[in-house]
Amino acid sequence: MAKVKVTQIRSTIKRPNDQKLTIKALGLGKINRSVEVELTPQIQGMIRKVDHLVTVTEL
């Protein structure tokens, strides 16, 4: 599996609760916080759901 680096670039203020929970499930929560995750279909779906709040770079 490929690894990707997910970085939160926008705030979750005034966002729907499901997007806030998705950010939390990815291990983010503050702007400029980054995590490295395996790129599984489940993670891809989570990233797609909050793609306007995060950036993704391949490692």
N, C-alpha and C. Protein backbone atom coordinates (compact mmCIF):
# COMPACT_ATOMS: atom_id res chain seq x y z
N MET A 1 0.84 -1.19 0.00
CA MET A 1 0.00 0.00 0.00
C MET A 1 0.88 1.25 0.00
N ALA A 2 0.40 2.26 -0.68
CA ALA A 2 1.11 3.53 -0.72
C ALA A 2 0.80 4.33 0.54
N LYS A 3 1.75 5.14 0.94
CA LYS A 3 1.53 6.04 2.07
C LYS A 3 1.33 7.45 1.53
N VAL A 4 0.49 8.19 2.20
CA VAL A 4 0.25 9.59 1.84
C VAL A 4 0.34 10.44 3.09
N LYS A 5 0.67 11.70 2.88
CA LYS A 5 0.72 12.67 3.96
C LYS A 5 -0.49 13.58 3.80
N VAL A 6 -1.33 13.64 4.82
CA VAL A 6 -2.54 14.46 4.80
C VAL A 6 -2.33 15.62 5.76
N THR A 7 -2.50 16.84 5.26
CA THR A 7 -2.31 18.05 6.06
C THR A 7 -3.58 18.86 6.05
N GLN A 8 -4.04 19.25 7.22
CA GLN A 8 -5.24 20.09 7.31
C GLN A 8 -4.84 21.53 7.01
N ILE A 9 -5.55 22.16 6.07
CA ILE A 9 -5.21 23.53 5.68
C ILE A 9 -6.33 24.53 5.99
N ARG A 10 -7.54 24.02 6.31
CA ARG A 10 -8.64 24.92 6.62
C ARG A 10 -9.32 24.47 7.90
N SER A 11 -10.01 25.39 8.54
CA SER A 11 -10.67 25.15 9.81
C SER A 11 -11.97 24.36 9.61
N THR A 12 -12.39 23.70 10.68
CA THR A 12 -13.66 22.97 10.64
C THR A 12 -14.81 23.79 11.23
N ILE A 13 -14.55 25.04 11.56
CA ILE A 13 -15.61 25.91 12.07
C ILE A 13 -16.65 26.11 10.97
N LYS A 14 -17.91 26.05 11.34
CA LYS A 14 -19.06 26.19 10.43
C LYS A 14 -19.10 25.09 9.37
N ARG A 15 -18.63 23.91 9.73
CA ARG A 15 -18.70 22.74 8.84
C ARG A 15 -19.68 21.74 9.44
N PRO A 16 -20.28 20.90 8.62
CA PRO A 16 -21.20 19.88 9.15
C PRO A 16 -20.48 18.94 10.10
N ASN A 17 -21.22 18.38 11.03
CA ASN A 17 -20.64 17.52 12.06
C ASN A 17 -19.93 16.29 11.47
N ASP A 18 -20.46 15.74 10.37
CA ASP A 18 -19.81 14.57 9.79
C ASP A 18 -18.42 14.90 9.25
N GLN A 19 -18.23 16.11 8.75
CA GLN A 19 -16.90 16.52 8.29
C GLN A 19 -15.95 16.71 9.47
N LYS A 20 -16.45 17.27 10.57
CA LYS A 20 -15.63 17.42 11.76
C LYS A 20 -15.19 16.06 12.28
N LEU A 21 -16.10 15.10 12.30
CA LEU A 21 -15.77 13.76 12.78
C LEU A 21 -14.79 13.06 11.85
N THR A 22 -14.89 13.31 10.55
CA THR A 22 -13.96 12.71 9.60
C THR A 22 -12.56 13.26 9.80
N ILE A 23 -12.43 14.56 10.01
CA ILE A 23 -11.12 15.17 10.28
C ILE A 23 -10.52 14.55 11.54
N LYS A 24 -11.34 14.39 12.57
CA LYS A 24 -10.87 13.80 13.82
C LYS A 24 -10.44 12.35 13.62
N ALA A 25 -11.19 11.60 12.82
CA ALA A 25 -10.86 10.20 12.55
C ALA A 25 -9.56 10.06 11.76
N LEU A 26 -9.24 11.06 10.96
CA LEU A 26 -7.97 11.04 10.21
C LEU A 26 -6.79 11.37 11.11
N GLY A 27 -7.06 11.86 12.32
CA GLY A 27 -5.98 12.20 13.24
C GLY A 27 -5.58 13.66 13.16
N LEU A 28 -6.43 14.45 12.54
CA LEU A 28 -6.14 15.88 12.42
C LEU A 28 -6.98 16.64 13.44
N GLY A 29 -7.11 17.94 13.28
CA GLY A 29 -7.93 18.71 14.20
C GLY A 29 -7.48 20.15 14.33
N LYS A 30 -6.25 20.42 13.95
CA LYS A 30 -5.75 21.78 13.97
C LYS A 30 -5.12 22.09 12.62
N ILE A 31 -5.17 23.33 12.23
CA ILE A 31 -4.60 23.74 10.95
C ILE A 31 -3.09 23.48 10.97
N ASN A 32 -2.57 23.02 9.83
CA ASN A 32 -1.16 22.68 9.60
C ASN A 32 -0.72 21.41 10.31
N ARG A 33 -1.62 20.65 10.90
CA ARG A 33 -1.26 19.36 11.47
C ARG A 33 -1.24 18.33 10.34
N SER A 34 -0.24 17.45 10.35
CA SER A 34 -0.09 16.44 9.30
C SER A 34 -0.04 15.05 9.90
N VAL A 35 -0.51 14.07 9.12
CA VAL A 35 -0.41 12.67 9.50
C VAL A 35 -0.03 11.88 8.25
N GLU A 36 0.68 10.77 8.47
CA GLU A 36 0.99 9.85 7.39
C GLU A 36 0.11 8.62 7.56
N VAL A 37 -0.62 8.27 6.50
CA VAL A 37 -1.55 7.14 6.57
C VAL A 37 -1.38 6.25 5.35
N GLU A 38 -1.74 4.97 5.50
CA GLU A 38 -1.78 4.05 4.37
C GLU A 38 -2.98 4.42 3.50
N LEU A 39 -2.82 4.38 2.19
CA LEU A 39 -3.89 4.78 1.28
C LEU A 39 -4.78 3.57 0.97
N THR A 40 -5.73 3.32 1.86
CA THR A 40 -6.71 2.26 1.67
C THR A 40 -7.98 2.87 1.07
N PRO A 41 -8.88 2.05 0.55
CA PRO A 41 -10.14 2.60 0.03
C PRO A 41 -10.93 3.38 1.07
N GLN A 42 -10.85 2.96 2.33
CA GLN A 42 -11.58 3.67 3.39
C GLN A 42 -10.98 5.07 3.60
N ILE A 43 -9.65 5.15 3.63
CA ILE A 43 -8.98 6.44 3.80
C ILE A 43 -9.23 7.33 2.60
N GLN A 44 -9.23 6.75 1.40
CA GLN A 44 -9.51 7.54 0.20
C GLN A 44 -10.89 8.18 0.27
N GLY A 45 -11.87 7.44 0.77
CA GLY A 45 -13.22 7.98 0.92
C GLY A 45 -13.27 9.10 1.94
N MET A 46 -12.52 8.93 3.03
CA MET A 46 -12.49 9.98 4.06
C MET A 46 -11.84 11.25 3.51
N ILE A 47 -10.76 11.07 2.75
CA ILE A 47 -10.07 12.23 2.17
C ILE A 47 -10.98 12.92 1.16
N ARG A 48 -11.69 12.15 0.36
CA ARG A 48 -12.59 12.73 -0.64
C ARG A 48 -13.69 13.55 0.02
N LYS A 49 -14.13 13.11 1.20
CA LYS A 49 -15.22 13.79 1.90
C LYS A 49 -14.78 15.16 2.41
N VAL A 50 -13.50 15.31 2.78
CA VAL A 50 -13.02 16.58 3.33
C VAL A 50 -11.89 17.15 2.48
N ASP A 51 -11.91 16.88 1.15
CA ASP A 51 -10.82 17.32 0.29
C ASP A 51 -10.67 18.83 0.22
N HIS A 52 -11.72 19.58 0.55
CA HIS A 52 -11.64 21.04 0.54
C HIS A 52 -10.97 21.57 1.83
N LEU A 53 -10.74 20.70 2.81
CA LEU A 53 -10.12 21.12 4.06
C LEU A 53 -8.67 20.62 4.21
N VAL A 54 -8.24 19.71 3.33
CA VAL A 54 -6.92 19.10 3.48
C VAL A 54 -6.17 19.11 2.15
N THR A 55 -4.84 18.91 2.25
CA THR A 55 -4.04 18.64 1.07
C THR A 55 -3.41 17.27 1.26
N VAL A 56 -3.17 16.60 0.15
CA VAL A 56 -2.62 15.24 0.17
C VAL A 56 -1.38 15.20 -0.70
N THR A 57 -0.28 14.68 -0.13
CA THR A 57 0.94 14.48 -0.90
C THR A 57 1.38 13.04 -0.76
N GLU A 58 1.85 12.46 -1.88
CA GLU A 58 2.31 11.08 -1.86
C GLU A 58 3.73 11.04 -1.32
N LEU A 59 4.03 9.97 -0.60
CA LEU A 59 5.37 9.81 -0.05
C LEU A 59 6.16 8.80 -0.85
